[in-house]
Each structure stands twice: as structure tokens, then as C-alpha cells.
């Protein structure tokens, strides 16, 4: 799976969650900050992280969570943990 496929899946996961929160999905870009640009809250972020772990069958340590602020950052982290799987 390449980076663009990973980013596409992550954008889809965020779009699903954002629709439940009445967030403008047009703001979901690869570099948009989840909280300040898109408007996700901490519970939505946890849902994104749990969905990513399940979708990619990886376990992301809690120490990584503060770094997962955009689609780009999430994709890089997923790739990192897929590589060690």
C-alpha cells in the first residue's frame, strides 16, 4: 500500500466522523490541522485513531497521539508501524 492510498483511506475515515459532527468536509486536506483547521474535538480524534488502527491492523502507541495532527502526519505514522509489522 502506498502513501497516497493510506492518505485516501485516512481522509475517508475523517470524512465519516466529520459528517457526524457537522464539520465542513471540504476543509479536510492532507495538511489541515485536525483541531484548528477542520474543527474535530478530542473524542473525534480518538475515534479517528481507533479507526486507523483497525483499518490498517497496526497498534499506535499513546506516545504518538500528540503528533497525529493531520492526514500527512497520520499517514507517516501508519507507514512507520506498517513497516515494523
C-alpha atoms as a PDB file:
ATOM      1  CA  UNK A   1       0.000   0.000   0.000  1.00  0.00           C
ATOM      2  CA  UNK A   2       1.491   3.360  -0.987  1.00  0.00           C
ATOM      3  CA  UNK A   3       1.310   6.732   0.761  1.00  0.00           C
ATOM      4  CA  UNK A   4      -1.483   8.077  -1.439  1.00  0.00           C
ATOM      5  CA  UNK A   5      -3.673   5.041  -0.728  1.00  0.00           C
ATOM      6  CA  UNK A   6      -3.061   5.426   3.011  1.00  0.00           C
ATOM      7  CA  UNK A   7      -3.917   9.143   2.873  1.00  0.00           C
ATOM      8  CA  UNK A   8      -7.084   8.434   0.909  1.00  0.00           C
ATOM      9  CA  UNK A   9      -8.258   5.891   3.489  1.00  0.00           C
ATOM     10  CA  UNK A  10      -7.476   8.288   6.356  1.00  0.00           C
ATOM     11  CA  UNK A  11      -9.350  11.137   4.604  1.00  0.00           C
ATOM     12  CA  UNK A  12     -12.343   8.804   4.176  1.00  0.00           C
ATOM     13  CA  UNK A  13     -12.275   7.888   7.881  1.00  0.00           C
ATOM     14  CA  UNK A  14     -12.120  11.559   8.880  1.00  0.00           C
ATOM     15  CA  UNK A  15     -14.905  12.449   6.444  1.00  0.00           C
ATOM     16  CA  UNK A  16     -17.199   9.843   8.013  1.00  0.00           C
ATOM     17  CA  UNK A  17     -16.509  11.156  11.501  1.00  0.00           C
ATOM     18  CA  UNK A  18     -16.747  14.811  10.425  1.00  0.00           C
ATOM     19  CA  UNK A  19     -20.166  14.255   8.862  1.00  0.00           C
ATOM     20  CA  UNK A  20     -21.485  13.140  12.256  1.00  0.00           C
ATOM     21  CA  UNK A  21     -20.128  16.376  13.753  1.00  0.00           C
ATOM     22  CA  UNK A  22     -21.491  18.690  11.041  1.00  0.00           C
ATOM     23  CA  UNK A  23     -17.966  19.712  10.012  1.00  0.00           C
ATOM     24  CA  UNK A  24     -17.250  21.179   6.572  1.00  0.00           C
ATOM     25  CA  UNK A  25     -15.638  18.199   4.802  1.00  0.00           C
ATOM     26  CA  UNK A  26     -14.101  20.492   2.161  1.00  0.00           C
ATOM     27  CA  UNK A  27     -11.613  21.536   4.873  1.00  0.00           C
ATOM     28  CA  UNK A  28     -10.187  18.001   5.053  1.00  0.00           C
ATOM     29  CA  UNK A  29      -6.880  18.300   3.229  1.00  0.00           C
ATOM     30  CA  UNK A  30      -3.619  16.439   3.765  1.00  0.00           C
ATOM     31  CA  UNK A  31      -2.007  19.294   5.704  1.00  0.00           C
ATOM     32  CA  UNK A  32      -5.075  20.646   7.552  1.00  0.00           C
ATOM     33  CA  UNK A  33      -4.757  20.522  11.343  1.00  0.00           C
ATOM     34  CA  UNK A  34      -7.493  18.290  12.740  1.00  0.00           C
ATOM     35  CA  UNK A  35      -8.487  20.638  15.572  1.00  0.00           C
ATOM     36  CA  UNK A  36      -7.706  24.180  14.394  1.00  0.00           C
ATOM     37  CA  UNK A  37      -8.460  23.814  10.665  1.00  0.00           C
ATOM     38  CA  UNK A  38     -11.087  21.067  10.487  1.00  0.00           C
ATOM     39  CA  UNK A  39     -12.729  21.523  13.889  1.00  0.00           C
ATOM     40  CA  UNK A  40     -12.541  17.991  15.254  1.00  0.00           C
ATOM     41  CA  UNK A  41     -12.683  17.579  19.026  1.00  0.00           C
ATOM     42  CA  UNK A  42     -10.659  15.213  21.205  1.00  0.00           C
ATOM     43  CA  UNK A  43     -13.317  12.496  21.118  1.00  0.00           C
ATOM     44  CA  UNK A  44     -13.399  12.627  17.311  1.00  0.00           C
ATOM     45  CA  UNK A  45      -9.603  12.344  17.250  1.00  0.00           C
ATOM     46  CA  UNK A  46      -9.744   9.222  19.405  1.00  0.00           C
ATOM     47  CA  UNK A  47     -12.319   7.786  17.018  1.00  0.00           C
ATOM     48  CA  UNK A  48     -10.019   8.574  14.059  1.00  0.00           C
ATOM     49  CA  UNK A  49      -7.079   6.878  15.800  1.00  0.00           C
ATOM     50  CA  UNK A  50      -9.086   3.791  16.726  1.00  0.00           C
ATOM     51  CA  UNK A  51     -10.436   3.556  13.171  1.00  0.00           C
ATOM     52  CA  UNK A  52      -6.926   3.864  11.715  1.00  0.00           C
ATOM     53  CA  UNK A  53      -5.567   1.138  13.961  1.00  0.00           C
ATOM     54  CA  UNK A  54      -8.401  -1.172  12.985  1.00  0.00           C
ATOM     55  CA  UNK A  55      -8.314  -0.360   9.257  1.00  0.00           C
ATOM     56  CA  UNK A  56      -4.537  -0.801   8.915  1.00  0.00           C
ATOM     57  CA  UNK A  57      -4.166  -3.533  11.582  1.00  0.00           C
ATOM     58  CA  UNK A  58      -1.499  -1.593  13.454  1.00  0.00           C
ATOM     59  CA  UNK A  59      -1.087  -0.600  17.078  1.00  0.00           C
ATOM     60  CA  UNK A  60      -0.090   3.039  17.552  1.00  0.00           C
ATOM     61  CA  UNK A  61       1.348   3.828  20.995  1.00  0.00           C
ATOM     62  CA  UNK A  62      -0.244   6.638  23.008  1.00  0.00           C
ATOM     63  CA  UNK A  63       3.077   8.482  22.899  1.00  0.00           C
ATOM     64  CA  UNK A  64       2.435   9.089  19.165  1.00  0.00           C
ATOM     65  CA  UNK A  65      -1.016  10.635  19.649  1.00  0.00           C
ATOM     66  CA  UNK A  66       0.126  14.272  20.107  1.00  0.00           C
ATOM     67  CA  UNK A  67       1.905  14.058  16.730  1.00  0.00           C
ATOM     68  CA  UNK A  68      -1.174  12.889  14.820  1.00  0.00           C
ATOM     69  CA  UNK A  69      -2.482  16.306  13.847  1.00  0.00           C
ATOM     70  CA  UNK A  70      -3.070  15.986  10.093  1.00  0.00           C
ATOM     71  CA  UNK A  71      -3.636  13.441   7.345  1.00  0.00           C
ATOM     72  CA  UNK A  72       0.057  13.777   6.403  1.00  0.00           C
ATOM     73  CA  UNK A  73       1.189  13.067   9.973  1.00  0.00           C
ATOM     74  CA  UNK A  74      -1.199  10.132  10.328  1.00  0.00           C
ATOM     75  CA  UNK A  75      -0.073   8.604   7.033  1.00  0.00           C
ATOM     76  CA  UNK A  76       3.591   8.846   8.042  1.00  0.00           C
ATOM     77  CA  UNK A  77       2.823   7.190  11.386  1.00  0.00           C
ATOM     78  CA  UNK A  78       0.775   4.410   9.786  1.00  0.00           C
ATOM     79  CA  UNK A  79       3.590   3.746   7.296  1.00  0.00           C
ATOM     80  CA  UNK A  80       6.076   3.604  10.179  1.00  0.00           C
ATOM     81  CA  UNK A  81       4.052   0.959  12.030  1.00  0.00           C
ATOM     82  CA  UNK A  82       3.177  -0.998   8.897  1.00  0.00           C
ATOM     83  CA  UNK A  83       6.908  -1.284   8.204  1.00  0.00           C
ATOM     84  CA  UNK A  84       7.578  -2.932  11.572  1.00  0.00           C
ATOM     85  CA  UNK A  85       4.564  -5.232  11.388  1.00  0.00           C
END
